[in-house]
C-alpha atoms as a PDB file:
ATOM      1  CA  MET A   1       0.000   0.000   0.000  1.00  0.00           C
ATOM      2  CA  HIS A   2       2.833   2.369   0.822  1.00  0.00           C
ATOM      3  CA  ALA A   3       4.410   1.905  -2.623  1.00  0.00           C
ATOM      4  CA  ALA A   4       1.089   2.707  -4.291  1.00  0.00           C
ATOM      5  CA  LEU A   5       0.806   5.955  -2.326  1.00  0.00           C
ATOM      6  CA  LEU A   6       4.360   6.939  -3.240  1.00  0.00           C
ATOM      7  CA  ALA A   7       3.679   6.220  -6.902  1.00  0.00           C
ATOM      8  CA  ALA A   8       0.512   8.319  -6.794  1.00  0.00           C
ATOM      9  CA  GLU A   9       2.357  11.228  -5.203  1.00  0.00           C
ATOM     10  CA  SER A  10       5.141  11.135  -7.760  1.00  0.00           C
ATOM     11  CA  ALA A  11       2.609  10.932 -10.610  1.00  0.00           C
ATOM     12  CA  GLU A  12       0.837  14.026  -9.327  1.00  0.00           C
ATOM     13  CA  ALA A  13       4.107  15.926  -9.161  1.00  0.00           C
ATOM     14  CA  THR A  14       5.032  15.186 -12.783  1.00  0.00           C
ATOM     15  CA  THR A  15       1.701  15.699 -14.535  1.00  0.00           C
ATOM     16  CA  LEU A  16       1.465  18.435 -17.139  1.00  0.00           C
ATOM     17  CA  PRO A  17      -1.275  21.028 -17.334  1.00  0.00           C
ATOM     18  CA  PRO A  18      -4.114  20.076 -19.702  1.00  0.00           C
ATOM     19  CA  ALA A  19      -3.258  22.928 -22.072  1.00  0.00           C
ATOM     20  CA  VAL A  20       0.269  21.574 -22.545  1.00  0.00           C
ATOM     21  CA  VAL A  21      -1.042  18.062 -23.202  1.00  0.00           C
ATOM     22  CA  GLY A  22      -3.444  19.492 -25.778  1.00  0.00           C
ATOM     23  CA  VAL A  23      -0.736  21.465 -27.560  1.00  0.00           C
ATOM     24  CA  VAL A  24       1.566  18.439 -27.664  1.00  0.00           C
ATOM     25  CA  ALA A  25      -1.223  16.200 -28.988  1.00  0.00           C
ATOM     26  CA  PHE A  26      -2.122  18.803 -31.616  1.00  0.00           C
ATOM     27  CA  GLY A  27       1.519  19.042 -32.687  1.00  0.00           C
ATOM     28  CA  ILE A  28       1.762  15.274 -33.077  1.00  0.00           C
ATOM     29  CA  LEU A  29      -1.403  15.182 -35.160  1.00  0.00           C
ATOM     30  CA  VAL A  30      -0.169  18.007 -37.390  1.00  0.00           C
ATOM     31  CA  ALA A  31       3.131  16.162 -37.887  1.00  0.00           C
ATOM     32  CA  LEU A  32       1.228  13.021 -38.909  1.00  0.00           C
ATOM     33  CA  LEU A  33      -0.888  15.100 -41.276  1.00  0.00           C
ATOM     34  CA  LEU A  34       2.248  16.486 -42.916  1.00  0.00           C
ATOM     35  CA  VAL A  35       3.686  12.990 -43.342  1.00  0.00           C
ATOM     36  CA  THR A  36       0.429  11.842 -44.920  1.00  0.00           C
ATOM     37  CA  TYR A  37       0.384  14.902 -47.190  1.00  0.00           C
ATOM     38  CA  ALA A  38       3.965  14.233 -48.277  1.00  0.00           C
ATOM     39  CA  PHE A  39       2.973  10.806 -49.635  1.00  0.00           C
ATOM     40  CA  ARG A  40      -0.254  11.934 -51.335  1.00  0.00           C
ATOM     41  CA  SER A  41       0.903  11.205 -54.895  1.00  0.00           C
ATOM     42  CA  THR A  42       2.654   7.859 -54.430  1.00  0.00           C
ATOM     43  CA  GLY A  43      -0.365   5.912 -55.701  1.00  0.00           C
ATOM     44  CA  HIS A  44      -0.166   7.587 -59.121  1.00  0.00           C
ATOM     45  CA  ARG A  45       3.510   6.959 -59.828  1.00  0.00           C
ATOM     46  CA  ASN A  46       3.327   3.358 -61.003  1.00  0.00           C
ATOM     47  CA  GLN A  47       0.451   3.516 -63.441  1.00  0.00           C
END
């Protein structure tokens, strides 16, 4: 039980604010969108 309480306390100390999590998630999604956009014409090359 003591280890679980210590883990919970350390998790609370290292959590990020929700705005930061949102900005990071948005950045990851934009990066994936750019990768997808970069390969948009690969299906037409071998026809």
